[in-house]
Amino acid sequence: MVFLVILSSSGDQTACLWQTDGTLVNQYVGGSGYMSDAIFGLTEDEIITASADKFVRIWCSGNAKETARLGGHFGGVSRLLADRKSVV
């Protein structure tokens, strides 16, 4: 069975995964700044978020635990793009 879901990010420092009927599936909480972007990751088990606190975070979509934190920006991270086809 296929479930359609919606992923949102917010100024309240969260990203949320929703069913299309409005049911909250999971909430991803972390960082000290607003989450400016959220995307589905490179695998079906990942959610990736960008934050004003200068970090990109990778989350387990199932249990909402942070699995990686990517730093290196000097300012807030505003956008994300994940490419499943390219190898860098």
N, C-alpha and C. Protein backbone atom coordinates (compact mmCIF):
# COMPACT_ATOMS: atom_id res chain seq x y z
N MET A 1 0.84 -1.17 0.00
CA MET A 1 0.00 0.00 0.00
C MET A 1 0.89 1.24 0.00
N VAL A 2 0.53 2.23 -0.78
CA VAL A 2 1.26 3.49 -0.88
C VAL A 2 0.53 4.55 -0.08
N PHE A 3 1.28 5.27 0.75
CA PHE A 3 0.72 6.37 1.52
C PHE A 3 1.26 7.68 0.97
N LEU A 4 0.40 8.62 0.72
CA LEU A 4 0.83 9.95 0.31
C LEU A 4 1.06 10.78 1.55
N VAL A 5 2.19 11.46 1.59
CA VAL A 5 2.53 12.26 2.76
C VAL A 5 3.01 13.64 2.31
N ILE A 6 2.97 14.56 3.25
CA ILE A 6 3.42 15.93 3.04
C ILE A 6 4.48 16.22 4.10
N LEU A 7 5.55 16.88 3.70
CA LEU A 7 6.63 17.26 4.61
C LEU A 7 6.67 18.78 4.68
N SER A 8 6.65 19.34 5.89
CA SER A 8 6.68 20.79 6.07
C SER A 8 7.79 21.18 7.03
N SER A 9 8.25 22.43 6.90
CA SER A 9 9.23 22.99 7.84
C SER A 9 8.67 24.29 8.38
N SER A 10 9.17 24.71 9.56
CA SER A 10 8.52 25.83 10.23
C SER A 10 9.49 26.69 11.03
N GLY A 11 9.05 27.89 11.31
CA GLY A 11 9.78 28.80 12.18
C GLY A 11 9.78 28.38 13.63
N ASP A 12 9.03 27.34 13.98
CA ASP A 12 9.00 26.87 15.37
C ASP A 12 10.06 25.81 15.64
N GLN A 13 11.07 25.71 14.75
CA GLN A 13 12.20 24.78 14.90
C GLN A 13 11.79 23.33 14.71
N THR A 14 10.76 23.08 13.91
CA THR A 14 10.33 21.71 13.66
C THR A 14 10.09 21.50 12.17
N ALA A 15 10.15 20.23 11.79
CA ALA A 15 9.63 19.78 10.50
C ALA A 15 8.60 18.71 10.84
N CYS A 16 7.56 18.61 10.03
CA CYS A 16 6.50 17.65 10.30
C CYS A 16 6.19 16.83 9.06
N LEU A 17 5.93 15.55 9.30
CA LEU A 17 5.49 14.64 8.25
C LEU A 17 4.01 14.37 8.50
N TRP A 18 3.19 14.61 7.48
CA TRP A 18 1.74 14.53 7.61
C TRP A 18 1.16 13.54 6.61
N GLN A 19 0.08 12.90 7.00
CA GLN A 19 -0.74 12.21 6.02
C GLN A 19 -1.63 13.25 5.36
N THR A 20 -2.12 12.96 4.19
CA THR A 20 -2.93 13.95 3.47
C THR A 20 -4.26 14.26 4.15
N ASP A 21 -4.67 13.43 5.11
CA ASP A 21 -5.90 13.72 5.85
C ASP A 21 -5.66 14.63 7.05
N GLY A 22 -4.39 15.11 7.22
CA GLY A 22 -4.06 16.01 8.31
C GLY A 22 -3.51 15.34 9.55
N THR A 23 -3.37 14.01 9.53
CA THR A 23 -2.81 13.29 10.67
C THR A 23 -1.30 13.49 10.71
N LEU A 24 -0.79 13.91 11.87
CA LEU A 24 0.65 14.06 12.06
C LEU A 24 1.29 12.68 12.19
N VAL A 25 2.23 12.38 11.32
CA VAL A 25 2.94 11.10 11.35
C VAL A 25 4.15 11.18 12.27
N ASN A 26 4.95 12.24 12.10
CA ASN A 26 6.15 12.42 12.91
C ASN A 26 6.54 13.88 12.93
N GLN A 27 7.25 14.26 14.00
CA GLN A 27 7.75 15.62 14.14
C GLN A 27 9.25 15.54 14.40
N TYR A 28 10.01 16.35 13.68
CA TYR A 28 11.48 16.36 13.77
C TYR A 28 11.86 17.68 14.43
N VAL A 29 12.42 17.59 15.63
CA VAL A 29 12.69 18.76 16.46
C VAL A 29 14.17 18.84 16.74
N GLY A 30 14.76 20.00 16.45
CA GLY A 30 16.17 20.16 16.76
C GLY A 30 16.69 21.48 16.23
N GLY A 31 17.78 21.91 16.81
CA GLY A 31 18.40 23.14 16.39
C GLY A 31 17.92 24.33 17.19
N SER A 32 18.57 25.46 16.91
CA SER A 32 18.24 26.66 17.66
C SER A 32 17.69 27.76 16.75
N GLY A 33 17.44 27.42 15.51
CA GLY A 33 16.88 28.39 14.59
C GLY A 33 15.74 27.76 13.81
N TYR A 34 15.00 28.60 13.10
CA TYR A 34 13.87 28.08 12.34
C TYR A 34 14.35 27.08 11.28
N MET A 35 13.54 26.11 10.98
CA MET A 35 13.84 25.16 9.91
C MET A 35 13.33 25.77 8.62
N SER A 36 14.25 26.11 7.76
CA SER A 36 13.90 26.83 6.54
C SER A 36 13.51 25.92 5.38
N ASP A 37 13.89 24.64 5.44
CA ASP A 37 13.56 23.72 4.37
C ASP A 37 13.59 22.30 4.91
N ALA A 38 12.82 21.44 4.28
CA ALA A 38 12.80 20.01 4.61
C ALA A 38 12.50 19.25 3.32
N ILE A 39 13.25 18.17 3.11
CA ILE A 39 13.04 17.36 1.91
C ILE A 39 13.13 15.89 2.29
N PHE A 40 12.60 15.06 1.40
CA PHE A 40 12.78 13.63 1.57
C PHE A 40 14.20 13.29 1.18
N GLY A 41 14.82 12.38 1.93
CA GLY A 41 16.23 12.08 1.75
C GLY A 41 16.52 11.16 0.59
N LEU A 42 17.75 10.70 0.57
CA LEU A 42 18.23 9.86 -0.51
C LEU A 42 17.72 8.43 -0.41
N THR A 43 17.25 8.06 0.76
CA THR A 43 16.59 6.76 0.93
C THR A 43 15.21 7.02 1.51
N GLU A 44 14.36 6.03 1.48
CA GLU A 44 13.00 6.21 2.00
C GLU A 44 12.97 6.38 3.51
N ASP A 45 14.09 6.11 4.17
CA ASP A 45 14.16 6.21 5.63
C ASP A 45 14.70 7.55 6.11
N GLU A 46 14.94 8.51 5.21
CA GLU A 46 15.59 9.76 5.60
C GLU A 46 14.72 10.98 5.33
N ILE A 47 14.84 11.92 6.26
CA ILE A 47 14.32 13.28 6.10
C ILE A 47 15.53 14.19 6.29
N ILE A 48 15.66 15.23 5.46
CA ILE A 48 16.78 16.16 5.58
C ILE A 48 16.20 17.55 5.83
N THR A 49 16.77 18.26 6.81
CA THR A 49 16.29 19.61 7.12
C THR A 49 17.43 20.61 7.07
N ALA A 50 17.07 21.84 6.73
CA ALA A 50 17.99 22.98 6.75
C ALA A 50 17.52 23.93 7.83
N SER A 51 18.47 24.56 8.50
CA SER A 51 18.10 25.41 9.63
C SER A 51 18.88 26.71 9.65
N ALA A 52 18.29 27.70 10.28
CA ALA A 52 18.94 28.99 10.47
C ALA A 52 20.13 28.89 11.42
N ASP A 53 20.27 27.78 12.14
CA ASP A 53 21.39 27.62 13.07
C ASP A 53 22.67 27.14 12.37
N LYS A 54 22.69 27.16 11.01
CA LYS A 54 23.85 26.85 10.18
C LYS A 54 24.08 25.36 9.95
N PHE A 55 23.11 24.51 10.30
CA PHE A 55 23.29 23.07 10.14
C PHE A 55 22.26 22.46 9.21
N VAL A 56 22.70 21.42 8.53
CA VAL A 56 21.82 20.50 7.81
C VAL A 56 21.75 19.25 8.67
N ARG A 57 20.55 18.76 8.91
CA ARG A 57 20.39 17.56 9.72
C ARG A 57 19.73 16.46 8.90
N ILE A 58 20.18 15.23 9.15
CA ILE A 58 19.56 14.06 8.55
C ILE A 58 18.87 13.30 9.67
N TRP A 59 17.63 12.92 9.43
CA TRP A 59 16.77 12.28 10.43
C TRP A 59 16.32 10.92 9.94
N CYS A 60 16.10 10.01 10.86
CA CYS A 60 15.42 8.77 10.56
C CYS A 60 13.94 9.11 10.46
N SER A 61 13.33 8.84 9.32
CA SER A 61 11.93 9.23 9.14
C SER A 61 10.99 8.47 10.09
N GLY A 62 11.36 7.25 10.45
CA GLY A 62 10.48 6.42 11.27
C GLY A 62 10.43 6.80 12.73
N ASN A 63 11.61 7.08 13.34
CA ASN A 63 11.62 7.37 14.78
C ASN A 63 11.95 8.82 15.11
N ALA A 64 12.17 9.65 14.08
CA ALA A 64 12.44 11.09 14.23
C ALA A 64 13.72 11.38 15.00
N LYS A 65 14.66 10.46 15.01
CA LYS A 65 15.96 10.68 15.66
C LYS A 65 16.94 11.28 14.67
N GLU A 66 17.71 12.25 15.10
CA GLU A 66 18.75 12.84 14.27
C GLU A 66 19.87 11.81 14.08
N THR A 67 20.25 11.55 12.83
CA THR A 67 21.30 10.57 12.55
C THR A 67 22.60 11.22 12.11
N ALA A 68 22.54 12.46 11.63
CA ALA A 68 23.76 13.17 11.23
C ALA A 68 23.50 14.66 11.28
N ARG A 69 24.57 15.40 11.55
CA ARG A 69 24.52 16.87 11.56
C ARG A 69 25.69 17.36 10.72
N LEU A 70 25.36 18.12 9.68
CA LEU A 70 26.37 18.62 8.76
C LEU A 70 26.55 20.11 8.97
N GLY A 71 27.77 20.50 9.32
CA GLY A 71 28.08 21.90 9.58
C GLY A 71 29.10 22.42 8.59
N GLY A 72 29.35 23.71 8.62
CA GLY A 72 30.33 24.30 7.74
C GLY A 72 29.88 25.61 7.12
N HIS A 73 28.60 25.90 7.22
CA HIS A 73 28.09 27.17 6.71
C HIS A 73 28.36 28.28 7.72
N PHE A 74 28.57 29.48 7.21
CA PHE A 74 28.79 30.64 8.08
C PHE A 74 27.50 31.40 8.36
N GLY A 75 26.45 31.02 7.68
CA GLY A 75 25.14 31.61 7.89
C GLY A 75 24.09 30.51 7.88
N GLY A 76 22.88 30.89 8.11
CA GLY A 76 21.79 29.93 8.11
C GLY A 76 21.65 29.23 6.76
N VAL A 77 21.22 27.99 6.79
CA VAL A 77 21.01 27.22 5.57
C VAL A 77 19.57 27.42 5.14
N SER A 78 19.39 27.85 3.91
CA SER A 78 18.03 28.21 3.50
C SER A 78 17.37 27.22 2.56
N ARG A 79 18.14 26.45 1.77
CA ARG A 79 17.54 25.54 0.80
C ARG A 79 18.32 24.23 0.76
N LEU A 80 17.62 23.19 0.32
CA LEU A 80 18.22 21.86 0.18
C LEU A 80 17.91 21.29 -1.20
N LEU A 81 18.79 20.42 -1.66
CA LEU A 81 18.56 19.65 -2.86
C LEU A 81 19.28 18.32 -2.68
N ALA A 82 18.61 17.23 -2.88
CA ALA A 82 19.22 15.90 -2.82
C ALA A 82 19.08 15.28 -4.20
N ASP A 83 20.16 14.72 -4.71
CA ASP A 83 20.17 14.15 -6.05
C ASP A 83 20.53 12.69 -5.95
N ARG A 84 19.60 11.83 -6.30
CA ARG A 84 19.82 10.39 -6.21
C ARG A 84 20.60 9.84 -7.39
N LYS A 85 20.88 10.65 -8.40
CA LYS A 85 21.51 10.15 -9.62
C LYS A 85 22.98 10.51 -9.73
N SER A 86 23.41 11.58 -9.12
CA SER A 86 24.78 12.05 -9.29
C SER A 86 25.69 11.51 -8.20
N VAL A 87 26.93 11.31 -8.57
CA VAL A 87 27.97 10.93 -7.61
C VAL A 87 29.02 12.01 -7.66
N VAL A 88 29.34 12.58 -6.50
CA VAL A 88 30.33 13.66 -6.44
C VAL A 88 31.64 13.09 -5.96
